[in-house]
Amino acid sequence: MPHLPSDAVGDRRDLATTSVFLDFDGTVSLVDVSDHLVERLASSGWQEVDAANRAGHLGTRAWLLEMWERLPHEEAMLRAVASEIAVDEGFESLVRALREAGADVTVVSDGFGFYVEEACRPLGIAVLTNRPDFATGRLELPYEDRCCPCATCGVCKQAPIKEARRDGRTTVLVGDGSSDFKAALLADVVFAKGDLAAWCAANGIAHRPFECLAEVERALVG
C-alpha cells in the first residue's frame, strides 16, 4: 500500500480506525534516554560500539546487548540517571486527544525499556519495549522478530504495524531515529524528525516533519 498524503488522517472518523505508534527515545523524551545512560554510566569502550552502530555495521539488538553489559545493573542508579531526561510536554495531551478521538495508541521503543514503561504507566498506554530483569541482570527482548528479513532490532516495529493493517486500520508512525526506518516503510502516515526525517527525505518516503508532539496533535486531531 502506498503512503497516504500527510494530511490523510485528521478527523475523528478517520481516527476511530487508526493505530498510532509513538517512538519513545528522542520522540516522547526530549533526548534519547538510552544514549544518555550509556554516555553517563557505560564502562570504557562504548564509543567503539556506538560508532559501529552509527556506521551501520552493528544492528540495534547487538548494540543494546553490548551496551547493557557495559552499564551497571543497579536499578536505583539507572532510574535516577534516566529521570534526568524530560518528556515532551505535549505527550500527555497528544495521547488523551487521540484516545478521545477513538484512536489506538502504542509506544514502540527499542531502548532499554524500564524508563519507557515508567513514563507511560500513568496514562495506561500499551508499550512494546525491551525489558531488563534487574534480579538476573539480563536484558530481555520479548518483542524481537528473528523471522523478519531485517532481524537486527530488539523490538520489531514493523510487526505491530503489519498487525494493525491486517485488521484494516490506518497506521501512523511518529519517530525520530534509525530504529524507525523499517517501520516508516510500512506506515500509512509518517511524522518524522531528526535522523528519520533525513532518511525519509533521502529515500523518497512521504512524511510530515515535526519538532514537538503538539504539532502532531494539531495535525491529527486539530
N, C-alpha and C. Protein backbone atom coordinates (compact mmCIF):
# COMPACT_ATOMS: atom_id res chain seq x y z
N MET A 1 0.85 -1.20 0.00
CA MET A 1 0.00 0.00 0.00
C MET A 1 0.88 1.24 0.00
N PRO A 2 0.64 2.19 -0.93
CA PRO A 2 1.46 3.42 -0.92
C PRO A 2 1.15 4.27 0.28
N HIS A 3 2.09 5.12 0.64
CA HIS A 3 1.85 6.04 1.75
C HIS A 3 0.73 6.99 1.40
N LEU A 4 -0.12 7.28 2.38
CA LEU A 4 -1.16 8.26 2.20
C LEU A 4 -0.56 9.66 2.31
N PRO A 5 -1.23 10.67 1.77
CA PRO A 5 -0.74 12.04 1.95
C PRO A 5 -0.64 12.35 3.43
N SER A 6 0.21 13.30 3.78
CA SER A 6 0.45 13.60 5.18
C SER A 6 -0.77 14.12 5.91
N ASP A 7 -1.78 14.61 5.15
CA ASP A 7 -2.99 15.11 5.80
C ASP A 7 -4.16 14.13 5.68
N ALA A 8 -3.84 12.84 5.36
CA ALA A 8 -4.91 11.87 5.13
C ALA A 8 -5.61 11.47 6.41
N VAL A 9 -4.96 11.65 7.53
CA VAL A 9 -5.60 11.37 8.82
C VAL A 9 -5.76 12.68 9.54
N GLY A 10 -6.98 13.07 9.85
CA GLY A 10 -7.11 14.35 10.51
C GLY A 10 -8.49 14.64 11.05
N ASP A 11 -9.40 13.67 10.97
CA ASP A 11 -10.68 13.91 11.60
C ASP A 11 -11.04 12.70 12.45
N ARG A 12 -12.06 12.88 13.30
CA ARG A 12 -12.38 11.86 14.28
C ARG A 12 -12.89 10.58 13.63
N ARG A 13 -13.52 10.69 12.46
CA ARG A 13 -13.99 9.47 11.80
C ARG A 13 -12.81 8.62 11.37
N ASP A 14 -11.79 9.25 10.83
CA ASP A 14 -10.60 8.51 10.44
C ASP A 14 -9.89 7.94 11.66
N LEU A 15 -9.76 8.71 12.71
CA LEU A 15 -9.00 8.29 13.88
C LEU A 15 -9.65 7.11 14.59
N ALA A 16 -10.94 6.92 14.43
CA ALA A 16 -11.60 5.78 15.06
C ALA A 16 -11.12 4.46 14.48
N THR A 17 -10.52 4.50 13.32
CA THR A 17 -9.97 3.28 12.70
C THR A 17 -8.47 3.42 12.47
N THR A 18 -7.82 4.18 13.37
CA THR A 18 -6.39 4.47 13.22
C THR A 18 -5.61 3.94 14.41
N SER A 19 -4.44 3.40 14.13
CA SER A 19 -3.49 2.98 15.17
C SER A 19 -2.26 3.87 15.07
N VAL A 20 -1.93 4.53 16.17
CA VAL A 20 -0.79 5.45 16.20
C VAL A 20 0.33 4.80 17.01
N PHE A 21 1.52 4.76 16.41
CA PHE A 21 2.69 4.17 17.05
C PHE A 21 3.73 5.26 17.31
N LEU A 22 4.03 5.47 18.59
CA LEU A 22 4.96 6.51 19.00
C LEU A 22 6.29 5.90 19.42
N ASP A 23 7.37 6.32 18.78
CA ASP A 23 8.70 6.02 19.30
C ASP A 23 8.87 6.76 20.62
N PHE A 24 9.78 6.30 21.46
CA PHE A 24 9.98 6.99 22.75
C PHE A 24 11.24 7.83 22.76
N ASP A 25 12.42 7.20 22.61
CA ASP A 25 13.69 7.93 22.77
C ASP A 25 13.87 8.99 21.70
N GLY A 26 13.88 10.25 22.12
CA GLY A 26 14.07 11.35 21.20
C GLY A 26 12.78 11.81 20.54
N THR A 27 11.68 11.08 20.77
CA THR A 27 10.37 11.45 20.23
C THR A 27 9.45 11.85 21.37
N VAL A 28 9.18 10.92 22.27
CA VAL A 28 8.45 11.27 23.50
C VAL A 28 9.40 11.94 24.49
N SER A 29 10.58 11.36 24.67
CA SER A 29 11.60 12.00 25.51
C SER A 29 12.33 13.05 24.69
N LEU A 30 12.79 14.11 25.34
CA LEU A 30 13.45 15.19 24.61
C LEU A 30 14.81 14.79 24.10
N VAL A 31 15.45 13.83 24.77
CA VAL A 31 16.76 13.31 24.37
C VAL A 31 16.67 11.80 24.44
N ASP A 32 17.45 11.11 23.63
CA ASP A 32 17.49 9.64 23.67
C ASP A 32 17.99 9.18 25.04
N VAL A 33 17.13 8.55 25.82
CA VAL A 33 17.48 8.16 27.18
C VAL A 33 18.52 7.04 27.20
N SER A 34 18.42 6.10 26.28
CA SER A 34 19.41 5.02 26.21
C SER A 34 20.80 5.59 25.96
N ASP A 35 20.89 6.52 25.02
CA ASP A 35 22.19 7.16 24.76
C ASP A 35 22.69 7.90 26.00
N HIS A 36 21.79 8.56 26.68
CA HIS A 36 22.15 9.31 27.89
C HIS A 36 22.70 8.37 28.96
N LEU A 37 22.07 7.23 29.14
CA LEU A 37 22.55 6.25 30.12
C LEU A 37 23.95 5.77 29.77
N VAL A 38 24.14 5.48 28.49
CA VAL A 38 25.45 4.99 28.04
C VAL A 38 26.52 6.05 28.24
N GLU A 39 26.23 7.26 27.82
CA GLU A 39 27.22 8.34 27.94
C GLU A 39 27.58 8.63 29.39
N ARG A 40 26.60 8.50 30.27
CA ARG A 40 26.83 8.81 31.68
C ARG A 40 27.48 7.65 32.45
N LEU A 41 27.10 6.41 32.11
CA LEU A 41 27.42 5.30 33.01
C LEU A 41 28.20 4.14 32.41
N ALA A 42 28.29 4.04 31.10
CA ALA A 42 28.91 2.85 30.50
C ALA A 42 30.42 2.80 30.75
N SER A 43 30.93 1.59 30.85
CA SER A 43 32.37 1.39 31.03
C SER A 43 33.10 1.70 29.72
N SER A 44 34.41 1.75 29.79
CA SER A 44 35.23 2.14 28.64
C SER A 44 35.00 1.22 27.45
N GLY A 45 35.16 1.78 26.27
CA GLY A 45 35.00 1.02 25.04
C GLY A 45 33.64 1.20 24.38
N TRP A 46 32.73 1.90 25.05
CA TRP A 46 31.40 2.04 24.47
C TRP A 46 31.40 2.87 23.19
N GLN A 47 32.36 3.77 23.08
CA GLN A 47 32.40 4.65 21.91
C GLN A 47 32.60 3.84 20.62
N GLU A 48 33.43 2.79 20.68
CA GLU A 48 33.66 1.97 19.50
C GLU A 48 32.40 1.21 19.10
N VAL A 49 31.67 0.71 20.10
CA VAL A 49 30.41 0.01 19.83
C VAL A 49 29.41 0.97 19.21
N ASP A 50 29.34 2.17 19.75
CA ASP A 50 28.40 3.17 19.25
C ASP A 50 28.75 3.57 17.82
N ALA A 51 30.03 3.72 17.55
CA ALA A 51 30.45 4.11 16.20
C ALA A 51 30.08 3.03 15.18
N ALA A 52 30.22 1.77 15.57
CA ALA A 52 29.87 0.67 14.67
C ALA A 52 28.38 0.67 14.36
N ASN A 53 27.58 1.00 15.37
CA ASN A 53 26.13 1.07 15.17
C ASN A 53 25.77 2.23 14.25
N ARG A 54 26.36 3.38 14.48
CA ARG A 54 26.03 4.56 13.68
C ARG A 54 26.50 4.41 12.23
N ALA A 55 27.54 3.60 12.03
CA ALA A 55 28.04 3.36 10.67
C ALA A 55 27.26 2.27 9.95
N GLY A 56 26.32 1.64 10.67
CA GLY A 56 25.51 0.60 10.06
C GLY A 56 26.13 -0.78 10.10
N HIS A 57 27.24 -0.95 10.85
CA HIS A 57 27.91 -2.25 10.92
C HIS A 57 27.37 -3.11 12.07
N LEU A 58 26.58 -2.53 12.94
CA LEU A 58 26.08 -3.22 14.12
C LEU A 58 24.62 -2.86 14.31
N GLY A 59 23.75 -3.86 14.36
CA GLY A 59 22.32 -3.62 14.49
C GLY A 59 21.94 -3.16 15.89
N THR A 60 20.70 -2.70 16.01
CA THR A 60 20.23 -2.19 17.30
C THR A 60 20.27 -3.25 18.39
N ARG A 61 19.85 -4.48 18.05
CA ARG A 61 19.84 -5.54 19.05
C ARG A 61 21.24 -5.78 19.61
N ALA A 62 22.22 -5.87 18.72
CA ALA A 62 23.60 -6.11 19.17
C ALA A 62 24.11 -4.92 19.97
N TRP A 63 23.75 -3.71 19.55
CA TRP A 63 24.14 -2.50 20.29
C TRP A 63 23.57 -2.55 21.71
N LEU A 64 22.29 -2.86 21.82
CA LEU A 64 21.64 -2.91 23.13
C LEU A 64 22.31 -3.91 24.06
N LEU A 65 22.56 -5.11 23.55
CA LEU A 65 23.13 -6.16 24.38
C LEU A 65 24.57 -5.82 24.79
N GLU A 66 25.33 -5.26 23.84
CA GLU A 66 26.71 -4.86 24.15
C GLU A 66 26.71 -3.76 25.21
N MET A 67 25.87 -2.75 25.00
CA MET A 67 25.85 -1.62 25.93
C MET A 67 25.30 -2.01 27.29
N TRP A 68 24.31 -2.90 27.31
CA TRP A 68 23.76 -3.33 28.59
C TRP A 68 24.84 -3.97 29.45
N GLU A 69 25.73 -4.72 28.84
CA GLU A 69 26.80 -5.36 29.60
C GLU A 69 27.82 -4.34 30.11
N ARG A 70 27.85 -3.17 29.50
CA ARG A 70 28.78 -2.13 29.93
C ARG A 70 28.17 -1.19 30.97
N LEU A 71 26.88 -1.33 31.22
CA LEU A 71 26.20 -0.49 32.21
C LEU A 71 26.16 -1.18 33.57
N PRO A 72 26.16 -0.41 34.65
CA PRO A 72 25.91 -1.01 35.96
C PRO A 72 24.46 -1.48 36.02
N HIS A 73 24.23 -2.63 36.63
CA HIS A 73 22.88 -3.16 36.70
C HIS A 73 22.21 -2.82 38.03
N GLU A 74 22.47 -1.62 38.49
CA GLU A 74 21.89 -1.14 39.73
C GLU A 74 20.65 -0.33 39.39
N GLU A 75 19.51 -0.90 39.71
CA GLU A 75 18.24 -0.32 39.27
C GLU A 75 18.06 1.12 39.73
N ALA A 76 18.34 1.40 40.98
CA ALA A 76 18.13 2.75 41.50
C ALA A 76 18.99 3.77 40.76
N MET A 77 20.24 3.40 40.49
CA MET A 77 21.13 4.31 39.78
C MET A 77 20.64 4.55 38.35
N LEU A 78 20.26 3.49 37.67
CA LEU A 78 19.80 3.62 36.29
C LEU A 78 18.52 4.47 36.21
N ARG A 79 17.60 4.24 37.13
CA ARG A 79 16.37 5.02 37.12
C ARG A 79 16.63 6.49 37.42
N ALA A 80 17.56 6.75 38.32
CA ALA A 80 17.88 8.13 38.67
C ALA A 80 18.47 8.88 37.48
N VAL A 81 19.38 8.23 36.76
CA VAL A 81 20.01 8.89 35.60
C VAL A 81 19.00 9.03 34.47
N ALA A 82 18.17 8.03 34.26
CA ALA A 82 17.14 8.12 33.21
C ALA A 82 16.18 9.26 33.49
N SER A 83 15.88 9.50 34.76
CA SER A 83 14.91 10.55 35.13
C SER A 83 15.44 11.95 34.87
N GLU A 84 16.73 12.08 34.54
CA GLU A 84 17.29 13.39 34.21
C GLU A 84 16.74 13.92 32.89
N ILE A 85 16.18 13.03 32.06
CA ILE A 85 15.67 13.43 30.75
C ILE A 85 14.16 13.61 30.81
N ALA A 86 13.69 14.78 30.42
CA ALA A 86 12.26 15.08 30.45
C ALA A 86 11.56 14.54 29.21
N VAL A 87 10.25 14.41 29.32
CA VAL A 87 9.45 14.04 28.15
C VAL A 87 8.88 15.31 27.52
N ASP A 88 8.52 15.20 26.26
CA ASP A 88 7.89 16.31 25.54
C ASP A 88 6.63 16.73 26.31
N GLU A 89 6.48 18.01 26.54
CA GLU A 89 5.35 18.49 27.35
C GLU A 89 4.01 18.24 26.66
N GLY A 90 4.03 17.93 25.37
CA GLY A 90 2.79 17.65 24.66
C GLY A 90 2.40 16.19 24.63
N PHE A 91 3.17 15.34 25.29
CA PHE A 91 2.94 13.89 25.25
C PHE A 91 1.58 13.51 25.80
N GLU A 92 1.29 13.91 27.02
CA GLU A 92 0.02 13.52 27.65
C GLU A 92 -1.16 14.07 26.88
N SER A 93 -1.07 15.31 26.44
CA SER A 93 -2.16 15.91 25.68
C SER A 93 -2.41 15.16 24.38
N LEU A 94 -1.35 14.79 23.69
CA LEU A 94 -1.48 14.05 22.43
C LEU A 94 -2.18 12.71 22.66
N VAL A 95 -1.72 11.98 23.66
CA VAL A 95 -2.30 10.67 23.93
C VAL A 95 -3.79 10.80 24.28
N ARG A 96 -4.12 11.73 25.13
CA ARG A 96 -5.52 11.88 25.54
C ARG A 96 -6.39 12.31 24.36
N ALA A 97 -5.90 13.22 23.54
CA ALA A 97 -6.67 13.69 22.39
C ALA A 97 -6.90 12.56 21.38
N LEU A 98 -5.87 11.76 21.14
CA LEU A 98 -6.02 10.64 20.21
C LEU A 98 -7.03 9.63 20.73
N ARG A 99 -6.94 9.33 22.00
CA ARG A 99 -7.88 8.35 22.57
C ARG A 99 -9.31 8.87 22.54
N GLU A 100 -9.49 10.14 22.86
CA GLU A 100 -10.84 10.71 22.83
C GLU A 100 -11.41 10.68 21.42
N ALA A 101 -10.54 10.74 20.41
CA ALA A 101 -10.98 10.68 19.02
C ALA A 101 -11.14 9.24 18.53
N GLY A 102 -10.83 8.27 19.40
CA GLY A 102 -11.07 6.87 19.06
C GLY A 102 -9.87 6.10 18.55
N ALA A 103 -8.69 6.72 18.52
CA ALA A 103 -7.50 6.04 18.00
C ALA A 103 -6.91 5.09 19.04
N ASP A 104 -6.26 4.05 18.56
CA ASP A 104 -5.42 3.21 19.41
C ASP A 104 -4.03 3.84 19.46
N VAL A 105 -3.40 3.84 20.63
CA VAL A 105 -2.08 4.44 20.79
C VAL A 105 -1.15 3.42 21.43
N THR A 106 0.01 3.21 20.81
CA THR A 106 1.02 2.29 21.34
C THR A 106 2.38 2.97 21.28
N VAL A 107 3.15 2.84 22.34
CA VAL A 107 4.54 3.30 22.32
C VAL A 107 5.42 2.11 21.96
N VAL A 108 6.24 2.28 20.93
CA VAL A 108 7.15 1.23 20.48
C VAL A 108 8.58 1.75 20.64
N SER A 109 9.36 1.11 21.49
CA SER A 109 10.68 1.63 21.82
C SER A 109 11.73 0.54 21.77
N ASP A 110 12.82 0.81 21.07
CA ASP A 110 13.92 -0.15 21.01
C ASP A 110 15.06 0.31 21.90
N GLY A 111 14.71 0.80 23.10
CA GLY A 111 15.71 1.21 24.07
C GLY A 111 15.80 0.21 25.20
N PHE A 112 16.29 0.66 26.35
CA PHE A 112 16.45 -0.24 27.49
C PHE A 112 15.16 -0.49 28.25
N GLY A 113 14.12 0.24 27.94
CA GLY A 113 12.78 -0.16 28.31
C GLY A 113 12.22 0.27 29.64
N PHE A 114 12.97 0.13 30.72
CA PHE A 114 12.38 0.35 32.05
C PHE A 114 11.84 1.76 32.22
N TYR A 115 12.53 2.75 31.69
CA TYR A 115 12.08 4.14 31.83
C TYR A 115 10.90 4.43 30.93
N VAL A 116 10.75 3.68 29.84
CA VAL A 116 9.60 3.85 28.94
C VAL A 116 8.33 3.42 29.66
N GLU A 117 8.37 2.25 30.26
CA GLU A 117 7.20 1.75 30.98
C GLU A 117 6.83 2.68 32.13
N GLU A 118 7.83 3.23 32.80
CA GLU A 118 7.56 4.14 33.92
C GLU A 118 6.86 5.41 33.45
N ALA A 119 7.31 5.96 32.31
CA ALA A 119 6.72 7.19 31.79
C ALA A 119 5.31 6.98 31.25
N CYS A 120 5.04 5.79 30.73
CA CYS A 120 3.75 5.52 30.08
C CYS A 120 2.70 4.96 31.04
N ARG A 121 3.14 4.42 32.16
CA ARG A 121 2.21 3.78 33.09
C ARG A 121 1.08 4.70 33.56
N PRO A 122 1.35 5.97 33.91
CA PRO A 122 0.25 6.84 34.38
C PRO A 122 -0.85 7.04 33.35
N LEU A 123 -0.52 6.91 32.06
CA LEU A 123 -1.52 7.10 31.01
C LEU A 123 -2.13 5.78 30.55
N GLY A 124 -1.63 4.67 31.07
CA GLY A 124 -2.16 3.37 30.70
C GLY A 124 -1.97 3.02 29.24
N ILE A 125 -0.86 3.47 28.67
CA ILE A 125 -0.61 3.23 27.24
C ILE A 125 0.02 1.86 27.05
N ALA A 126 -0.37 1.19 25.98
CA ALA A 126 0.29 -0.05 25.60
C ALA A 126 1.74 0.25 25.22
N VAL A 127 2.67 -0.58 25.69
CA VAL A 127 4.09 -0.36 25.44
C VAL A 127 4.72 -1.65 24.92
N LEU A 128 5.45 -1.53 23.82
CA LEU A 128 6.27 -2.62 23.30
C LEU A 128 7.72 -2.17 23.42
N THR A 129 8.47 -2.79 24.31
CA THR A 129 9.85 -2.38 24.51
C THR A 129 10.66 -3.52 25.10
N ASN A 130 11.96 -3.34 25.14
CA ASN A 130 12.85 -4.31 25.79
C ASN A 130 12.70 -4.17 27.30
N ARG A 131 13.15 -5.20 28.03
CA ARG A 131 12.86 -5.20 29.45
C ARG A 131 14.02 -5.79 30.25
N PRO A 132 14.71 -5.00 31.05
CA PRO A 132 15.77 -5.55 31.90
C PRO A 132 15.17 -6.33 33.07
N ASP A 133 15.77 -7.47 33.36
CA ASP A 133 15.42 -8.21 34.57
C ASP A 133 16.50 -7.86 35.59
N PHE A 134 16.16 -6.97 36.51
CA PHE A 134 17.17 -6.50 37.45
C PHE A 134 17.57 -7.59 38.44
N ALA A 135 16.74 -8.61 38.60
CA ALA A 135 17.09 -9.70 39.51
C ALA A 135 18.21 -10.56 38.93
N THR A 136 18.18 -10.78 37.61
CA THR A 136 19.18 -11.63 36.97
C THR A 136 20.26 -10.84 36.26
N GLY A 137 19.97 -9.56 35.98
CA GLY A 137 20.92 -8.73 35.24
C GLY A 137 20.84 -8.91 33.74
N ARG A 138 19.83 -9.64 33.25
CA ARG A 138 19.67 -9.88 31.82
C ARG A 138 18.76 -8.83 31.19
N LEU A 139 19.08 -8.49 29.93
CA LEU A 139 18.19 -7.64 29.15
C LEU A 139 17.33 -8.55 28.29
N GLU A 140 16.02 -8.56 28.54
CA GLU A 140 15.12 -9.42 27.80
C GLU A 140 14.56 -8.67 26.59
N LEU A 141 14.37 -9.40 25.49
CA LEU A 141 13.90 -8.81 24.24
C LEU A 141 12.61 -9.52 23.80
N PRO A 142 11.50 -9.26 24.49
CA PRO A 142 10.27 -10.01 24.22
C PRO A 142 9.60 -9.69 22.90
N TYR A 143 10.02 -8.61 22.24
CA TYR A 143 9.35 -8.21 21.00
C TYR A 143 10.29 -8.25 19.79
N GLU A 144 11.37 -9.01 19.88
CA GLU A 144 12.21 -9.18 18.71
C GLU A 144 11.51 -10.13 17.74
N ASP A 145 11.90 -10.08 16.49
CA ASP A 145 11.34 -10.96 15.47
C ASP A 145 12.48 -11.48 14.61
N ARG A 146 12.96 -12.66 14.95
CA ARG A 146 14.09 -13.23 14.22
C ARG A 146 13.70 -13.73 12.83
N CYS A 147 12.39 -13.80 12.56
CA CYS A 147 11.92 -14.21 11.24
C CYS A 147 11.83 -13.02 10.28
N CYS A 148 11.94 -11.81 10.82
CA CYS A 148 11.89 -10.61 9.98
C CYS A 148 13.12 -10.59 9.07
N PRO A 149 12.99 -10.16 7.81
CA PRO A 149 14.15 -10.08 6.93
C PRO A 149 15.26 -9.22 7.49
N CYS A 150 14.89 -8.21 8.30
CA CYS A 150 15.90 -7.35 8.94
C CYS A 150 16.55 -8.10 10.10
N ALA A 151 15.72 -8.52 11.07
CA ALA A 151 16.15 -9.33 12.22
C ALA A 151 17.36 -8.76 12.96
N THR A 152 17.47 -7.45 13.02
CA THR A 152 18.59 -6.84 13.74
C THR A 152 18.12 -5.96 14.89
N CYS A 153 16.81 -5.88 15.12
CA CYS A 153 16.27 -5.00 16.14
C CYS A 153 15.93 -5.76 17.41
N GLY A 154 15.97 -5.05 18.53
CA GLY A 154 15.49 -5.64 19.77
C GLY A 154 13.98 -5.69 19.78
N VAL A 155 13.34 -4.62 19.31
CA VAL A 155 11.89 -4.55 19.14
C VAL A 155 11.62 -4.38 17.65
N CYS A 156 10.87 -5.31 17.07
CA CYS A 156 10.50 -5.20 15.66
C CYS A 156 9.31 -4.24 15.56
N LYS A 157 9.54 -3.05 15.05
CA LYS A 157 8.47 -2.06 14.96
C LYS A 157 7.57 -2.29 13.75
N GLN A 158 8.02 -3.11 12.81
CA GLN A 158 7.16 -3.44 11.68
C GLN A 158 6.02 -4.35 12.11
N ALA A 159 6.28 -5.25 13.07
CA ALA A 159 5.29 -6.27 13.43
C ALA A 159 3.94 -5.70 13.86
N PRO A 160 3.88 -4.74 14.80
CA PRO A 160 2.57 -4.21 15.19
C PRO A 160 1.90 -3.42 14.08
N ILE A 161 2.68 -2.80 13.21
CA ILE A 161 2.10 -2.07 12.07
C ILE A 161 1.45 -3.06 11.11
N LYS A 162 2.14 -4.17 10.85
CA LYS A 162 1.56 -5.20 9.98
C LYS A 162 0.26 -5.74 10.56
N GLU A 163 0.25 -5.96 11.87
CA GLU A 163 -0.94 -6.50 12.52
C GLU A 163 -2.11 -5.52 12.42
N ALA A 164 -1.84 -4.24 12.65
CA ALA A 164 -2.90 -3.23 12.56
C ALA A 164 -3.45 -3.14 11.13
N ARG A 165 -2.57 -3.22 10.16
CA ARG A 165 -3.01 -3.13 8.78
C ARG A 165 -3.82 -4.35 8.38
N ARG A 166 -3.46 -5.53 8.91
CA ARG A 166 -4.26 -6.73 8.64
C ARG A 166 -5.69 -6.57 9.19
N ASP A 167 -5.81 -5.78 10.25
CA ASP A 167 -7.12 -5.52 10.84
C ASP A 167 -7.86 -4.39 10.14
N GLY A 168 -7.28 -3.88 9.06
CA GLY A 168 -7.93 -2.84 8.27
C GLY A 168 -7.80 -1.44 8.84
N ARG A 169 -6.82 -1.23 9.72
CA ARG A 169 -6.65 0.06 10.36
C ARG A 169 -5.61 0.91 9.62
N THR A 170 -5.81 2.21 9.62
CA THR A 170 -4.79 3.14 9.13
C THR A 170 -3.69 3.23 10.17
N THR A 171 -2.45 3.24 9.74
CA THR A 171 -1.33 3.26 10.69
C THR A 171 -0.54 4.56 10.58
N VAL A 172 -0.20 5.10 11.74
CA VAL A 172 0.57 6.34 11.84
C VAL A 172 1.80 6.07 12.68
N LEU A 173 2.97 6.42 12.16
CA LEU A 173 4.23 6.30 12.90
C LEU A 173 4.74 7.70 13.24
N VAL A 174 5.15 7.88 14.48
CA VAL A 174 5.76 9.14 14.91
C VAL A 174 7.13 8.79 15.47
N GLY A 175 8.21 9.22 14.80
CA GLY A 175 9.53 8.81 15.24
C GLY A 175 10.63 9.77 14.86
N ASP A 176 11.86 9.40 15.27
CA ASP A 176 12.97 10.33 15.04
C ASP A 176 14.29 9.67 14.64
N GLY A 177 14.39 8.33 14.73
CA GLY A 177 15.72 7.75 14.57
C GLY A 177 15.77 6.51 13.71
N SER A 178 16.95 5.88 13.70
CA SER A 178 17.21 4.74 12.84
C SER A 178 16.35 3.52 13.18
N SER A 179 15.93 3.39 14.43
CA SER A 179 15.09 2.25 14.79
C SER A 179 13.70 2.36 14.17
N ASP A 180 13.39 3.52 13.59
CA ASP A 180 12.08 3.73 12.96
C ASP A 180 12.13 3.58 11.43
N PHE A 181 13.32 3.38 10.86
CA PHE A 181 13.44 3.35 9.40
C PHE A 181 12.54 2.28 8.77
N LYS A 182 12.66 1.05 9.24
CA LYS A 182 11.90 -0.04 8.63
C LYS A 182 10.40 0.14 8.83
N ALA A 183 10.01 0.64 10.00
CA ALA A 183 8.59 0.88 10.26
C ALA A 183 8.04 1.95 9.33
N ALA A 184 8.86 2.94 9.01
CA ALA A 184 8.42 4.03 8.13
C ALA A 184 8.10 3.52 6.72
N LEU A 185 8.68 2.40 6.35
CA LEU A 185 8.39 1.82 5.03
C LEU A 185 6.98 1.26 4.96
N LEU A 186 6.39 0.95 6.11
CA LEU A 186 5.07 0.30 6.13
C LEU A 186 3.95 1.22 6.57
N ALA A 187 4.23 2.19 7.43
CA ALA A 187 3.15 3.03 7.98
C ALA A 187 2.48 3.85 6.88
N ASP A 188 1.17 4.04 7.01
CA ASP A 188 0.43 4.84 6.03
C ASP A 188 0.77 6.31 6.12
N VAL A 189 1.00 6.78 7.34
CA VAL A 189 1.34 8.19 7.57
C VAL A 189 2.55 8.23 8.50
N VAL A 190 3.55 9.02 8.15
CA VAL A 190 4.78 9.11 8.93
C VAL A 190 5.01 10.55 9.36
N PHE A 191 5.15 10.75 10.67
CA PHE A 191 5.63 12.02 11.22
C PHE A 191 7.08 11.79 11.62
N ALA A 192 7.98 12.64 11.12
CA ALA A 192 9.40 12.36 11.32
C ALA A 192 10.17 13.62 11.68
N LYS A 193 11.16 13.43 12.54
CA LYS A 193 12.14 14.48 12.83
C LYS A 193 13.51 13.83 12.91
N GLY A 194 14.55 14.65 13.06
CA GLY A 194 15.89 14.12 13.25
C GLY A 194 16.36 13.21 12.13
N ASP A 195 17.03 12.12 12.51
CA ASP A 195 17.58 11.19 11.54
C ASP A 195 16.50 10.54 10.68
N LEU A 196 15.34 10.30 11.27
CA LEU A 196 14.27 9.69 10.48
C LEU A 196 13.80 10.63 9.37
N ALA A 197 13.66 11.91 9.67
CA ALA A 197 13.24 12.86 8.65
C ALA A 197 14.27 12.93 7.52
N ALA A 198 15.55 12.95 7.87
CA ALA A 198 16.60 12.99 6.86
C ALA A 198 16.58 11.73 6.01
N TRP A 199 16.38 10.58 6.64
CA TRP A 199 16.36 9.30 5.92
C TRP A 199 15.14 9.23 4.99
N CYS A 200 13.99 9.66 5.47
CA CYS A 200 12.79 9.66 4.64
C CYS A 200 12.98 10.55 3.42
N ALA A 201 13.55 11.72 3.64
CA ALA A 201 13.78 12.65 2.53
C ALA A 201 14.75 12.06 1.51
N ALA A 202 15.79 11.41 2.00
CA ALA A 202 16.80 10.83 1.11
C ALA A 202 16.27 9.63 0.33
N ASN A 203 15.26 8.96 0.89
CA ASN A 203 14.75 7.74 0.26
C ASN A 203 13.36 7.89 -0.34
N GLY A 204 12.90 9.11 -0.45
CA GLY A 204 11.62 9.36 -1.10
C GLY A 204 10.42 8.84 -0.34
N ILE A 205 10.52 8.77 1.00
CA ILE A 205 9.40 8.32 1.82
C ILE A 205 8.57 9.53 2.23
N ALA A 206 7.29 9.53 1.85
CA ALA A 206 6.41 10.64 2.22
C ALA A 206 6.34 10.75 3.74
N HIS A 207 6.51 11.95 4.25
CA HIS A 207 6.47 12.15 5.69
C HIS A 207 6.12 13.59 6.00
N ARG A 208 5.71 13.80 7.23
CA ARG A 208 5.41 15.15 7.69
C ARG A 208 6.42 15.52 8.76
N PRO A 209 7.29 16.48 8.52
CA PRO A 209 8.28 16.88 9.53
C PRO A 209 7.60 17.49 10.75
N PHE A 210 8.19 17.28 11.92
CA PHE A 210 7.70 17.90 13.14
C PHE A 210 8.86 18.10 14.09
N GLU A 211 8.68 18.97 15.06
CA GLU A 211 9.70 19.22 16.09
C GLU A 211 9.20 18.86 17.48
N CYS A 212 7.89 18.98 17.71
CA CYS A 212 7.35 18.66 19.04
C CYS A 212 6.00 17.97 18.86
N LEU A 213 5.56 17.27 19.90
CA LEU A 213 4.34 16.47 19.80
C LEU A 213 3.09 17.32 19.69
N ALA A 214 3.14 18.56 20.12
CA ALA A 214 1.98 19.45 19.94
C ALA A 214 1.67 19.61 18.46
N GLU A 215 2.70 19.61 17.61
CA GLU A 215 2.48 19.71 16.17
C GLU A 215 1.76 18.48 15.65
N VAL A 216 2.12 17.32 16.17
CA VAL A 216 1.47 16.08 15.76
C VAL A 216 0.01 16.10 16.18
N GLU A 217 -0.27 16.58 17.39
CA GLU A 217 -1.66 16.66 17.85
C GLU A 217 -2.47 17.60 16.97
N ARG A 218 -1.91 18.74 16.62
CA ARG A 218 -2.65 19.68 15.76
C ARG A 218 -2.95 19.06 14.40
N ALA A 219 -1.99 18.30 13.87
CA ALA A 219 -2.16 17.71 12.54
C ALA A 219 -3.19 16.58 12.56
N LEU A 220 -3.18 15.78 13.62
CA LEU A 220 -4.07 14.61 13.65
C LEU A 220 -5.44 14.90 14.23
N VAL A 221 -5.49 15.75 15.23
CA VAL A 221 -6.75 15.97 15.95
C VAL A 221 -7.31 17.37 15.71
N GLY A 222 -6.42 18.34 15.52
CA GLY A 222 -6.87 19.71 15.30
C GLY A 222 -6.90 20.51 16.58
